[in-house]
């Protein structure tokens, strides 16, 4: 099976015996994602608006208040992953950034940083 489909992260169909979810699933969120199916590999990709928020939204509280979410240190994101992400949009974004950072994909945000409005 191959293809790309758009839809919420929590898809109703079962694929390869399990329900795929993007990183936001950990925070109980429903970000829009693209489901990429290639052979036996399944991946969920967040929409571009969510990725853009990572390079424009600042952390609203805590030790790193005022830091762009994309610039948060990995150990801080790991702490949230262990202790639990906050509810709402900020939790979804932190979960997404943790997933990118944990998998060494933070450099994928570089083109978005260049296009993001300057603060």
PDB file of N, CA and C in Angstrom:
ATOM      1  N   UNK A   1       0.846  -1.169   0.000  1.00  0.00           N
ATOM      2  CA  UNK A   1       0.000   0.000   0.000  1.00  0.00           C
ATOM      3  C   UNK A   1       0.894   1.236   0.000  1.00  0.00           C
ATOM      4  N   UNK A   2       0.623   2.196  -0.860  1.00  0.00           N
ATOM      5  CA  UNK A   2       1.404   3.422  -0.924  1.00  0.00           C
ATOM      6  C   UNK A   2       0.462   4.607  -1.067  1.00  0.00           C
ATOM      7  N   UNK A   3       0.903   5.771  -0.594  1.00  0.00           N
ATOM      8  CA  UNK A   3       0.103   6.962  -0.795  1.00  0.00           C
ATOM      9  C   UNK A   3       0.203   7.934   0.351  1.00  0.00           C
ATOM     10  N   UNK A   4      -0.441   9.043   0.190  1.00  0.00           N
ATOM     11  CA  UNK A   4      -0.490  10.083   1.207  1.00  0.00           C
ATOM     12  C   UNK A   4      -1.948  10.451   1.400  1.00  0.00           C
ATOM     13  N   UNK A   5      -2.400  10.492   2.635  1.00  0.00           N
ATOM     14  CA  UNK A   5      -3.753  10.921   2.926  1.00  0.00           C
ATOM     15  C   UNK A   5      -3.707  12.003   3.985  1.00  0.00           C
ATOM     16  N   UNK A   6      -4.640  12.905   3.971  1.00  0.00           N
ATOM     17  CA  UNK A   6      -4.733  13.968   4.968  1.00  0.00           C
ATOM     18  C   UNK A   6      -5.846  13.639   5.940  1.00  0.00           C
ATOM     19  N   UNK A   7      -5.676  14.011   7.200  1.00  0.00           N
ATOM     20  CA  UNK A   7      -6.722  13.787   8.179  1.00  0.00           C
ATOM     21  C   UNK A   7      -6.203  14.025   9.576  1.00  0.00           C
ATOM     22  N   UNK A   8      -7.070  13.887  10.569  1.00  0.00           N
ATOM     23  CA  UNK A   8      -6.612  14.060  11.937  1.00  0.00           C
ATOM     24  C   UNK A   8      -5.659  12.938  12.328  1.00  0.00           C
ATOM     25  N   UNK A   9      -4.801  13.208  13.300  1.00  0.00           N
ATOM     26  CA  UNK A   9      -3.806  12.224  13.718  1.00  0.00           C
ATOM     27  C   UNK A   9      -4.446  10.927  14.144  1.00  0.00           C
ATOM     28  N   UNK A  10      -5.528  11.021  14.870  1.00  0.00           N
ATOM     29  CA  UNK A  10      -6.169   9.808  15.346  1.00  0.00           C
ATOM     30  C   UNK A  10      -7.094   9.297  14.244  1.00  0.00           C
ATOM     31  N   UNK A  11      -6.548   8.432  13.414  1.00  0.00           N
ATOM     32  CA  UNK A  11      -7.332   7.931  12.291  1.00  0.00           C
ATOM     33  C   UNK A  11      -8.178   6.764  12.753  1.00  0.00           C
ATOM     34  N   UNK A  12      -9.336   6.615  12.136  1.00  0.00           N
ATOM     35  CA  UNK A  12     -10.253   5.552  12.542  1.00  0.00           C
ATOM     36  C   UNK A  12      -9.867   4.219  11.928  1.00  0.00           C
ATOM     37  N   UNK A  13      -9.135   4.248  10.827  1.00  0.00           N
ATOM     38  CA  UNK A  13      -8.767   2.995  10.191  1.00  0.00           C
ATOM     39  C   UNK A  13      -7.583   2.353  10.907  1.00  0.00           C
ATOM     40  N   UNK A  14      -7.524   1.053  10.869  1.00  0.00           N
ATOM     41  CA  UNK A  14      -6.389   0.327  11.431  1.00  0.00           C
ATOM     42  C   UNK A  14      -5.479  -0.045  10.281  1.00  0.00           C
ATOM     43  N   UNK A  15      -4.202   0.288  10.427  1.00  0.00           N
ATOM     44  CA  UNK A  15      -3.244   0.051   9.363  1.00  0.00           C
ATOM     45  C   UNK A  15      -2.122  -0.800   9.925  1.00  0.00           C
ATOM     46  N   UNK A  16      -1.831  -1.896   9.296  1.00  0.00           N
ATOM     47  CA  UNK A  16      -0.790  -2.817   9.741  1.00  0.00           C
ATOM     48  C   UNK A  16      -1.023  -3.273  11.170  1.00  0.00           C
ATOM     49  N   UNK A  17      -2.290  -3.419  11.552  1.00  0.00           N
ATOM     50  CA  UNK A  17      -2.630  -3.953  12.851  1.00  0.00           C
ATOM     51  C   UNK A  17      -2.554  -2.971  13.998  1.00  0.00           C
ATOM     52  N   UNK A  18      -2.326  -1.692  13.742  1.00  0.00           N
ATOM     53  CA  UNK A  18      -2.303  -0.709  14.824  1.00  0.00           C
ATOM     54  C   UNK A  18      -2.734   0.645  14.303  1.00  0.00           C
ATOM     55  N   UNK A  19      -3.089   1.529  15.216  1.00  0.00           N
ATOM     56  CA  UNK A  19      -3.545   2.861  14.843  1.00  0.00           C
ATOM     57  C   UNK A  19      -2.376   3.836  14.894  1.00  0.00           C
ATOM     58  N   UNK A  20      -1.957   4.394  13.769  1.00  0.00           N
ATOM     59  CA  UNK A  20      -0.853   5.345  13.792  1.00  0.00           C
ATOM     60  C   UNK A  20      -1.288   6.670  14.396  1.00  0.00           C
ATOM     61  N   UNK A  21      -0.398   7.294  15.131  1.00  0.00           N
ATOM     62  CA  UNK A  21      -0.637   8.619  15.708  1.00  0.00           C
ATOM     63  C   UNK A  21       0.628   9.438  15.560  1.00  0.00           C
ATOM     64  N   UNK A  22       0.485  10.736  15.382  1.00  0.00           N
ATOM     65  CA  UNK A  22       1.677  11.577  15.347  1.00  0.00           C
ATOM     66  C   UNK A  22       2.082  11.910  16.775  1.00  0.00           C
ATOM     67  N   UNK A  23       3.135  12.691  16.919  1.00  0.00           N
ATOM     68  CA  UNK A  23       3.663  13.029  18.244  1.00  0.00           C
ATOM     69  C   UNK A  23       2.607  13.672  19.120  1.00  0.00           C
ATOM     70  N   UNK A  24       1.687  14.388  18.531  1.00  0.00           N
ATOM     71  CA  UNK A  24       0.669  15.079  19.319  1.00  0.00           C
ATOM     72  C   UNK A  24      -0.248  14.109  20.032  1.00  0.00           C
ATOM     73  N   UNK A  25      -0.317  12.864  19.563  1.00  0.00           N
ATOM     74  CA  UNK A  25      -1.152  11.870  20.223  1.00  0.00           C
ATOM     75  C   UNK A  25      -0.761  11.690  21.681  1.00  0.00           C
ATOM     76  N   UNK A  26       0.521  11.871  21.983  1.00  0.00           N
ATOM     77  CA  UNK A  26       0.992  11.732  23.354  1.00  0.00           C
ATOM     78  C   UNK A  26       0.369  12.790  24.257  1.00  0.00           C
ATOM     79  N   UNK A  27       0.017  13.908  23.702  1.00  0.00           N
ATOM     80  CA  UNK A  27      -0.580  14.988  24.485  1.00  0.00           C
ATOM     81  C   UNK A  27      -2.106  14.957  24.378  1.00  0.00           C
ATOM     82  N   UNK A  28      -2.645  13.924  23.771  1.00  0.00           N
ATOM     83  CA  UNK A  28      -4.094  13.806  23.633  1.00  0.00           C
ATOM     84  C   UNK A  28      -4.656  14.833  22.678  1.00  0.00           C
ATOM     85  N   UNK A  29      -3.926  15.158  21.645  1.00  0.00           N
ATOM     86  CA  UNK A  29      -4.318  16.229  20.738  1.00  0.00           C
ATOM     87  C   UNK A  29      -4.756  15.678  19.395  1.00  0.00           C
ATOM     88  N   UNK A  30      -5.320  16.543  18.581  1.00  0.00           N
ATOM     89  CA  UNK A  30      -5.740  16.152  17.241  1.00  0.00           C
ATOM     90  C   UNK A  30      -5.216  17.159  16.230  1.00  0.00           C
ATOM     91  N   UNK A  31      -3.894  17.238  16.084  1.00  0.00           N
ATOM     92  CA  UNK A  31      -3.312  18.077  15.047  1.00  0.00           C
ATOM     93  C   UNK A  31      -3.620  17.451  13.696  1.00  0.00           C
ATOM     94  N   UNK A  32      -3.661  18.248  12.668  1.00  0.00           N
ATOM     95  CA  UNK A  32      -3.822  17.700  11.339  1.00  0.00           C
ATOM     96  C   UNK A  32      -2.490  17.134  10.885  1.00  0.00           C
ATOM     97  N   UNK A  33      -2.514  15.942  10.329  1.00  0.00           N
ATOM     98  CA  UNK A  33      -1.300  15.272   9.909  1.00  0.00           C
ATOM     99  C   UNK A  33      -1.493  14.665   8.532  1.00  0.00           C
ATOM    100  N   UNK A  34      -0.388  14.396   7.880  1.00  0.00           N
ATOM    101  CA  UNK A  34      -0.406  13.640   6.637  1.00  0.00           C
ATOM    102  C   UNK A  34       0.049  12.230   6.972  1.00  0.00           C
ATOM    103  N   UNK A  35      -0.701  11.252   6.534  1.00  0.00           N
ATOM    104  CA  UNK A  35      -0.349   9.855   6.746  1.00  0.00           C
ATOM    105  C   UNK A  35       0.427   9.394   5.525  1.00  0.00           C
ATOM    106  N   UNK A  36       1.687   9.048   5.729  1.00  0.00           N
ATOM    107  CA  UNK A  36       2.544   8.608   4.634  1.00  0.00           C
ATOM    108  C   UNK A  36       2.693   7.101   4.741  1.00  0.00           C
ATOM    109  N   UNK A  37       2.330   6.399   3.681  1.00  0.00           N
ATOM    110  CA  UNK A  37       2.439   4.941   3.659  1.00  0.00           C
ATOM    111  C   UNK A  37       3.339   4.567   2.491  1.00  0.00           C
ATOM    112  N   UNK A  38       4.420   3.862   2.806  1.00  0.00           N
ATOM    113  CA  UNK A  38       5.336   3.394   1.756  1.00  0.00           C
ATOM    114  C   UNK A  38       5.772   1.987   2.132  1.00  0.00           C
ATOM    115  N   UNK A  39       5.258   1.006   1.433  1.00  0.00           N
ATOM    116  CA  UNK A  39       5.566  -0.377   1.781  1.00  0.00           C
ATOM    117  C   UNK A  39       5.037  -0.693   3.170  1.00  0.00           C
ATOM    118  N   UNK A  40       5.902  -1.153   4.061  1.00  0.00           N
ATOM    119  CA  UNK A  40       5.507  -1.476   5.427  1.00  0.00           C
ATOM    120  C   UNK A  40       5.760  -0.326   6.393  1.00  0.00           C
ATOM    121  N   UNK A  41       6.223   0.805   5.909  1.00  0.00           N
ATOM    122  CA  UNK A  41       6.547   1.940   6.765  1.00  0.00           C
ATOM    123  C   UNK A  41       5.396   2.937   6.781  1.00  0.00           C
ATOM    124  N   UNK A  42       5.012   3.368   7.978  1.00  0.00           N
ATOM    125  CA  UNK A  42       3.937   4.340   8.151  1.00  0.00           C
ATOM    126  C   UNK A  42       4.498   5.507   8.951  1.00  0.00           C
ATOM    127  N   UNK A  43       4.248   6.721   8.516  1.00  0.00           N
ATOM    128  CA  UNK A  43       4.712   7.901   9.243  1.00  0.00           C
ATOM    129  C   UNK A  43       3.604   8.941   9.276  1.00  0.00           C
ATOM    130  N   UNK A  44       3.525   9.683  10.373  1.00  0.00           N
ATOM    131  CA  UNK A  44       2.579  10.783  10.500  1.00  0.00           C
ATOM    132  C   UNK A  44       3.369  12.078  10.493  1.00  0.00           C
ATOM    133  N   UNK A  45       3.033  12.971   9.602  1.00  0.00           N
ATOM    134  CA  UNK A  45       3.714  14.251   9.513  1.00  0.00           C
ATOM    135  C   UNK A  45       2.752  15.369   9.893  1.00  0.00           C
ATOM    136  N   UNK A  46       3.148  16.254  10.819  1.00  0.00           N
ATOM    137  CA  UNK A  46       2.268  17.361  11.188  1.00  0.00           C
ATOM    138  C   UNK A  46       2.129  18.353  10.034  1.00  0.00           C
ATOM    139  N   UNK A  47       1.046  19.095  10.061  1.00  0.00           N
ATOM    140  CA  UNK A  47       0.839  20.083   9.004  1.00  0.00           C
ATOM    141  C   UNK A  47       1.823  21.235   9.166  1.00  0.00           C
ATOM    142  N   UNK A  48       1.996  22.021   8.104  1.00  0.00           N
ATOM    143  CA  UNK A  48       2.984  23.102   8.098  1.00  0.00           C
ATOM    144  C   UNK A  48       2.656  24.196   9.113  1.00  0.00           C
ATOM    145  N   UNK A  49       1.385  24.411   9.408  1.00  0.00           N
ATOM    146  CA  UNK A  49       1.020  25.449  10.381  1.00  0.00           C
ATOM    147  C   UNK A  49       1.563  25.098  11.768  1.00  0.00           C
ATOM    148  N   UNK A  50       1.516  23.836  12.142  1.00  0.00           N
ATOM    149  CA  UNK A  50       2.043  23.413  13.440  1.00  0.00           C
ATOM    150  C   UNK A  50       3.554  23.573  13.484  1.00  0.00           C
ATOM    151  N   UNK A  51       4.224  23.227  12.400  1.00  0.00           N
ATOM    152  CA  UNK A  51       5.672  23.389  12.350  1.00  0.00           C
ATOM    153  C   UNK A  51       6.062  24.860  12.409  1.00  0.00           C
ATOM    154  N   UNK A  52       5.299  25.718  11.735  1.00  0.00           N
ATOM    155  CA  UNK A  52       5.584  27.146  11.770  1.00  0.00           C
ATOM    156  C   UNK A  52       5.420  27.705  13.181  1.00  0.00           C
ATOM    157  N   UNK A  53       4.446  27.192  13.922  1.00  0.00           N
ATOM    158  CA  UNK A  53       4.257  27.643  15.304  1.00  0.00           C
ATOM    159  C   UNK A  53       5.472  27.327  16.167  1.00  0.00           C
ATOM    160  N   UNK A  54       6.171  26.238  15.874  1.00  0.00           N
ATOM    161  CA  UNK A  54       7.362  25.887  16.655  1.00  0.00           C
ATOM    162  C   UNK A  54       8.446  26.952  16.561  1.00  0.00           C
ATOM    163  N   UNK A  55       8.537  27.630  15.421  1.00  0.00           N
ATOM    164  CA  UNK A  55       9.595  28.633  15.227  1.00  0.00           C
ATOM    165  C   UNK A  55       9.099  30.058  15.462  1.00  0.00           C
ATOM    166  N   UNK A  56       7.818  30.213  15.844  1.00  0.00           N
ATOM    167  CA  UNK A  56       7.293  31.563  16.107  1.00  0.00           C
ATOM    168  C   UNK A  56       6.696  31.709  17.503  1.00  0.00           C
ATOM    169  N   UNK A  57       6.273  30.623  18.118  1.00  0.00           N
ATOM    170  CA  UNK A  57       5.616  30.672  19.433  1.00  0.00           C
ATOM    171  C   UNK A  57       6.647  30.573  20.537  1.00  0.00           C
ATOM    172  N   UNK A  58       6.514  31.438  21.536  1.00  0.00           N
ATOM    173  CA  UNK A  58       7.417  31.422  22.684  1.00  0.00           C
ATOM    174  C   UNK A  58       6.821  30.609  23.821  1.00  0.00           C
ATOM    175  N   UNK A  59       7.695  30.030  24.621  1.00  0.00           N
ATOM    176  CA  UNK A  59       7.275  29.303  25.817  1.00  0.00           C
ATOM    177  C   UNK A  59       6.626  30.305  26.767  1.00  0.00           C
ATOM    178  N   UNK A  60       5.372  30.080  27.171  1.00  0.00           N
ATOM    179  CA  UNK A  60       4.652  31.082  27.957  1.00  0.00           C
ATOM    180  C   UNK A  60       4.904  31.031  29.467  1.00  0.00           C
ATOM    181  N   UNK A  61       5.624  30.019  29.956  1.00  0.00           N
ATOM    182  CA  UNK A  61       5.802  29.888  31.401  1.00  0.00           C
ATOM    183  C   UNK A  61       7.071  29.090  31.696  1.00  0.00           C
ATOM    184  N   UNK A  62       7.439  29.057  32.962  1.00  0.00           N
ATOM    185  CA  UNK A  62       8.517  28.186  33.428  1.00  0.00           C
ATOM    186  C   UNK A  62       9.903  28.752  33.247  1.00  0.00           C
ATOM    187  N   UNK A  63      10.859  27.887  33.439  1.00  0.00           N
ATOM    188  CA  UNK A  63      12.283  28.225  33.414  1.00  0.00           C
ATOM    189  C   UNK A  63      12.699  28.876  32.098  1.00  0.00           C
ATOM    190  N   UNK A  64      12.100  28.459  31.002  1.00  0.00           N
ATOM    191  CA  UNK A  64      12.482  28.958  29.675  1.00  0.00           C
ATOM    192  C   UNK A  64      11.419  29.876  29.077  1.00  0.00           C
ATOM    193  N   UNK A  65      10.707  30.596  29.928  1.00  0.00           N
ATOM    194  CA  UNK A  65       9.687  31.540  29.463  1.00  0.00           C
ATOM    195  C   UNK A  65      10.319  32.529  28.483  1.00  0.00           C
ATOM    196  N   UNK A  66       9.657  32.739  27.343  1.00  0.00           N
ATOM    197  CA  UNK A  66      10.147  33.675  26.334  1.00  0.00           C
ATOM    198  C   UNK A  66      11.034  33.040  25.274  1.00  0.00           C
ATOM    199  N   UNK A  67      11.421  31.781  25.449  1.00  0.00           N
ATOM    200  CA  UNK A  67      12.244  31.068  24.471  1.00  0.00           C
ATOM    201  C   UNK A  67      11.339  30.446  23.412  1.00  0.00           C
ATOM    202  N   UNK A  68      11.739  30.550  22.151  1.00  0.00           N
ATOM    203  CA  UNK A  68      10.971  29.891  21.096  1.00  0.00           C
ATOM    204  C   UNK A  68      10.898  28.396  21.387  1.00  0.00           C
ATOM    205  N   UNK A  69       9.777  27.791  21.113  1.00  0.00           N
ATOM    206  CA  UNK A  69       9.607  26.369  21.385  1.00  0.00           C
ATOM    207  C   UNK A  69      10.656  25.552  20.633  1.00  0.00           C
ATOM    208  N   UNK A  70      10.989  25.956  19.423  1.00  0.00           N
ATOM    209  CA  UNK A  70      12.007  25.253  18.642  1.00  0.00           C
ATOM    210  C   UNK A  70      13.398  25.363  19.262  1.00  0.00           C
ATOM    211  N   UNK A  71      13.604  26.334  20.145  1.00  0.00           N
ATOM    212  CA  UNK A  71      14.917  26.534  20.768  1.00  0.00           C
ATOM    213  C   UNK A  71      15.022  25.956  22.172  1.00  0.00           C
ATOM    214  N   UNK A  72      13.966  25.293  22.639  1.00  0.00           N
ATOM    215  CA  UNK A  72      14.004  24.706  23.982  1.00  0.00           C
ATOM    216  C   UNK A  72      15.019  23.569  24.020  1.00  0.00           C
ATOM    217  N   UNK A  73      15.778  23.450  25.121  1.00  0.00           N
ATOM    218  CA  UNK A  73      16.765  22.369  25.212  1.00  0.00           C
ATOM    219  C   UNK A  73      16.101  20.998  25.313  1.00  0.00           C
ATOM    220  N   UNK A  74      16.790  20.005  24.789  1.00  0.00           N
ATOM    221  CA  UNK A  74      16.266  18.650  24.769  1.00  0.00           C
ATOM    222  C   UNK A  74      15.934  18.102  26.149  1.00  0.00           C
ATOM    223  N   UNK A  75      16.763  18.432  27.153  1.00  0.00           N
ATOM    224  CA  UNK A  75      16.484  17.895  28.485  1.00  0.00           C
ATOM    225  C   UNK A  75      15.188  18.457  29.069  1.00  0.00           C
ATOM    226  N   UNK A  76      14.842  19.694  28.701  1.00  0.00           N
ATOM    227  CA  UNK A  76      13.581  20.297  29.149  1.00  0.00           C
ATOM    228  C   UNK A  76      12.400  19.590  28.472  1.00  0.00           C
ATOM    229  N   UNK A  77      12.526  19.310  27.181  1.00  0.00           N
ATOM    230  CA  UNK A  77      11.485  18.586  26.452  1.00  0.00           C
ATOM    231  C   UNK A  77      11.352  17.156  26.977  1.00  0.00           C
ATOM    232  N   UNK A  78      12.483  16.536  27.310  1.00  0.00           N
ATOM    233  CA  UNK A  78      12.451  15.186  27.882  1.00  0.00           C
ATOM    234  C   UNK A  78      11.738  15.171  29.230  1.00  0.00           C
ATOM    235  N   UNK A  79      11.929  16.221  30.019  1.00  0.00           N
ATOM    236  CA  UNK A  79      11.261  16.323  31.312  1.00  0.00           C
ATOM    237  C   UNK A  79       9.740  16.324  31.118  1.00  0.00           C
ATOM    238  N   UNK A  80       9.267  17.119  30.157  1.00  0.00           N
ATOM    239  CA  UNK A  80       7.824  17.139  29.867  1.00  0.00           C
ATOM    240  C   UNK A  80       7.346  15.768  29.406  1.00  0.00           C
ATOM    241  N   UNK A  81       8.153  15.085  28.597  1.00  0.00           N
ATOM    242  CA  UNK A  81       7.759  13.761  28.109  1.00  0.00           C
ATOM    243  C   UNK A  81       7.616  12.780  29.276  1.00  0.00           C
ATOM    244  N   UNK A  82       8.474  12.901  30.273  1.00  0.00           N
ATOM    245  CA  UNK A  82       8.390  12.013  31.441  1.00  0.00           C
ATOM    246  C   UNK A  82       7.255  12.400  32.371  1.00  0.00           C
ATOM    247  N   UNK A  83       7.111  13.696  32.641  1.00  0.00           N
ATOM    248  CA  UNK A  83       6.164  14.178  33.644  1.00  0.00           C
ATOM    249  C   UNK A  83       4.766  14.444  33.083  1.00  0.00           C
ATOM    250  N   UNK A  84       4.679  14.624  31.774  1.00  0.00           N
ATOM    251  CA  UNK A  84       3.396  14.904  31.136  1.00  0.00           C
ATOM    252  C   UNK A  84       3.378  16.292  30.506  1.00  0.00           C
ATOM    253  N   UNK A  85       2.872  16.355  29.292  1.00  0.00           N
ATOM    254  CA  UNK A  85       2.761  17.621  28.585  1.00  0.00           C
ATOM    255  C   UNK A  85       1.541  18.378  29.102  1.00  0.00           C
ATOM    256  N   UNK A  86       1.623  19.705  29.155  1.00  0.00           N
ATOM    257  CA  UNK A  86       0.450  20.477  29.601  1.00  0.00           C
ATOM    258  C   UNK A  86      -0.692  20.335  28.595  1.00  0.00           C
ATOM    259  N   UNK A  87      -1.906  20.625  29.035  1.00  0.00           N
ATOM    260  CA  UNK A  87      -3.049  20.518  28.125  1.00  0.00           C
ATOM    261  C   UNK A  87      -3.042  21.646  27.091  1.00  0.00           C
ATOM    262  N   UNK A  88      -3.787  21.451  26.041  1.00  0.00           N
ATOM    263  CA  UNK A  88      -3.991  22.492  25.042  1.00  0.00           C
ATOM    264  C   UNK A  88      -2.905  22.550  23.984  1.00  0.00           C
ATOM    265  N   UNK A  89      -2.922  23.671  23.274  1.00  0.00           N
ATOM    266  CA  UNK A  89      -2.017  23.844  22.140  1.00  0.00           C
ATOM    267  C   UNK A  89      -0.554  23.791  22.557  1.00  0.00           C
ATOM    268  N   UNK A  90      -0.206  24.394  23.687  1.00  0.00           N
ATOM    269  CA  UNK A  90       1.188  24.396  24.108  1.00  0.00           C
ATOM    270  C   UNK A  90       1.683  22.971  24.344  1.00  0.00           C
ATOM    271  N   UNK A  91       0.849  22.127  24.903  1.00  0.00           N
ATOM    272  CA  UNK A  91       1.226  20.728  25.112  1.00  0.00           C
ATOM    273  C   UNK A  91       1.429  19.988  23.808  1.00  0.00           C
ATOM    274  N   UNK A  92       0.572  20.256  22.836  1.00  0.00           N
ATOM    275  CA  UNK A  92       0.719  19.629  21.515  1.00  0.00           C
ATOM    276  C   UNK A  92       2.026  20.064  20.862  1.00  0.00           C
ATOM    277  N   UNK A  93       2.336  21.353  20.969  1.00  0.00           N
ATOM    278  CA  UNK A  93       3.567  21.860  20.352  1.00  0.00           C
ATOM    279  C   UNK A  93       4.802  21.313  21.052  1.00  0.00           C
ATOM    280  N   UNK A  94       4.768  21.236  22.370  1.00  0.00           N
ATOM    281  CA  UNK A  94       5.906  20.677  23.115  1.00  0.00           C
ATOM    282  C   UNK A  94       6.108  19.208  22.764  1.00  0.00           C
ATOM    283  N   UNK A  95       5.017  18.455  22.635  1.00  0.00           N
ATOM    284  CA  UNK A  95       5.112  17.039  22.259  1.00  0.00           C
ATOM    285  C   UNK A  95       5.696  16.891  20.858  1.00  0.00           C
ATOM    286  N   UNK A  96       5.271  17.738  19.954  1.00  0.00           N
ATOM    287  CA  UNK A  96       5.787  17.710  18.594  1.00  0.00           C
ATOM    288  C   UNK A  96       7.273  18.049  18.580  1.00  0.00           C
ATOM    289  N   UNK A  97       7.663  19.092  19.305  1.00  0.00           N
ATOM    290  CA  UNK A  97       9.071  19.488  19.336  1.00  0.00           C
ATOM    291  C   UNK A  97       9.917  18.404  19.991  1.00  0.00           C
ATOM    292  N   UNK A  98       9.389  17.763  21.024  1.00  0.00           N
ATOM    293  CA  UNK A  98      10.117  16.658  21.660  1.00  0.00           C
ATOM    294  C   UNK A  98      10.367  15.548  20.652  1.00  0.00           C
ATOM    295  N   UNK A  99       9.363  15.217  19.884  1.00  0.00           N
ATOM    296  CA  UNK A  99       9.502  14.146  18.885  1.00  0.00           C
ATOM    297  C   UNK A  99      10.560  14.508  17.849  1.00  0.00           C
ATOM    298  N   UNK A 100      10.541  15.738  17.373  1.00  0.00           N
ATOM    299  CA  UNK A 100      11.540  16.182  16.391  1.00  0.00           C
ATOM    300  C   UNK A 100      12.939  16.144  16.995  1.00  0.00           C
ATOM    301  N   UNK A 101      13.077  16.694  18.203  1.00  0.00           N
ATOM    302  CA  UNK A 101      14.379  16.754  18.862  1.00  0.00           C
ATOM    303  C   UNK A 101      14.897  15.353  19.170  1.00  0.00           C
ATOM    304  N   UNK A 102      14.043  14.511  19.711  1.00  0.00           N
ATOM    305  CA  UNK A 102      14.431  13.155  20.107  1.00  0.00           C
ATOM    306  C   UNK A 102      14.918  12.330  18.917  1.00  0.00           C
ATOM    307  N   UNK A 103      14.337  12.563  17.762  1.00  0.00           N
ATOM    308  CA  UNK A 103      14.705  11.817  16.557  1.00  0.00           C
ATOM    309  C   UNK A 103      15.729  12.533  15.684  1.00  0.00           C
ATOM    310  N   UNK A 104      16.311  13.615  16.208  1.00  0.00           N
ATOM    311  CA  UNK A 104      17.356  14.330  15.477  1.00  0.00           C
ATOM    312  C   UNK A 104      16.861  15.045  14.239  1.00  0.00           C
ATOM    313  N   UNK A 105      15.619  15.504  14.261  1.00  0.00           N
ATOM    314  CA  UNK A 105      15.015  16.132  13.083  1.00  0.00           C
ATOM    315  C   UNK A 105      14.831  17.641  13.236  1.00  0.00           C
ATOM    316  N   UNK A 106      15.450  18.233  14.233  1.00  0.00           N
ATOM    317  CA  UNK A 106      15.280  19.671  14.471  1.00  0.00           C
ATOM    318  C   UNK A 106      15.730  20.522  13.284  1.00  0.00           C
ATOM    319  N   UNK A 107      16.701  20.027  12.513  1.00  0.00           N
ATOM    320  CA  UNK A 107      17.182  20.792  11.356  1.00  0.00           C
ATOM    321  C   UNK A 107      16.118  20.954  10.279  1.00  0.00           C
ATOM    322  N   UNK A 108      15.064  20.147  10.334  1.00  0.00           N
ATOM    323  CA  UNK A 108      13.979  20.299   9.362  1.00  0.00           C
ATOM    324  C   UNK A 108      13.262  21.635   9.525  1.00  0.00           C
ATOM    325  N   UNK A 109      13.439  22.267  10.680  1.00  0.00           N
ATOM    326  CA  UNK A 109      12.788  23.555  10.930  1.00  0.00           C
ATOM    327  C   UNK A 109      13.586  24.733  10.355  1.00  0.00           C
ATOM    328  N   UNK A 110      14.810  24.482   9.907  1.00  0.00           N
ATOM    329  CA  UNK A 110      15.661  25.573   9.406  1.00  0.00           C
ATOM    330  C   UNK A 110      14.998  26.401   8.302  1.00  0.00           C
ATOM    331  N   UNK A 111      14.412  25.788   7.262  1.00  0.00           N
ATOM    332  CA  UNK A 111      13.759  26.609   6.218  1.00  0.00           C
ATOM    333  C   UNK A 111      12.609  27.446   6.771  1.00  0.00           C
ATOM    334  N   UNK A 112      11.896  26.915   7.760  1.00  0.00           N
ATOM    335  CA  UNK A 112      10.792  27.673   8.362  1.00  0.00           C
ATOM    336  C   UNK A 112      11.311  28.848   9.180  1.00  0.00           C
ATOM    337  N   UNK A 113      12.445  28.668   9.833  1.00  0.00           N
ATOM    338  CA  UNK A 113      13.048  29.773  10.597  1.00  0.00           C
ATOM    339  C   UNK A 113      13.378  30.941   9.685  1.00  0.00           C
ATOM    340  N   UNK A 114      13.872  30.621   8.491  1.00  0.00           N
ATOM    341  CA  UNK A 114      14.246  31.673   7.536  1.00  0.00           C
ATOM    342  C   UNK A 114      13.027  32.440   7.025  1.00  0.00           C
ATOM    343  N   UNK A 115      11.883  31.754   6.934  1.00  0.00           N
ATOM    344  CA  UNK A 115      10.661  32.390   6.433  1.00  0.00           C
ATOM    345  C   UNK A 115       9.822  33.010   7.537  1.00  0.00           C
ATOM    346  N   UNK A 116      10.083  32.631   8.780  1.00  0.00           N
ATOM    347  CA  UNK A 116       9.262  33.110   9.905  1.00  0.00           C
ATOM    348  C   UNK A 116       9.468  34.595  10.122  1.00  0.00           C
ATOM    349  N   UNK A 117       8.418  35.305  10.537  1.00  0.00           N
ATOM    350  CA  UNK A 117       8.563  36.720  10.836  1.00  0.00           C
ATOM    351  C   UNK A 117       9.546  36.925  11.983  1.00  0.00           C
ATOM    352  N   UNK A 118      10.365  37.954  11.874  1.00  0.00           N
ATOM    353  CA  UNK A 118      11.364  38.249  12.916  1.00  0.00           C
ATOM    354  C   UNK A 118      10.680  38.833  14.129  1.00  0.00           C
ATOM    355  N   UNK A 119      11.180  38.482  15.302  1.00  0.00           N
ATOM    356  CA  UNK A 119      10.613  39.050  16.527  1.00  0.00           C
ATOM    357  C   UNK A 119      11.463  40.145  17.056  1.00  0.00           C
TER     358      UNK A 119
END
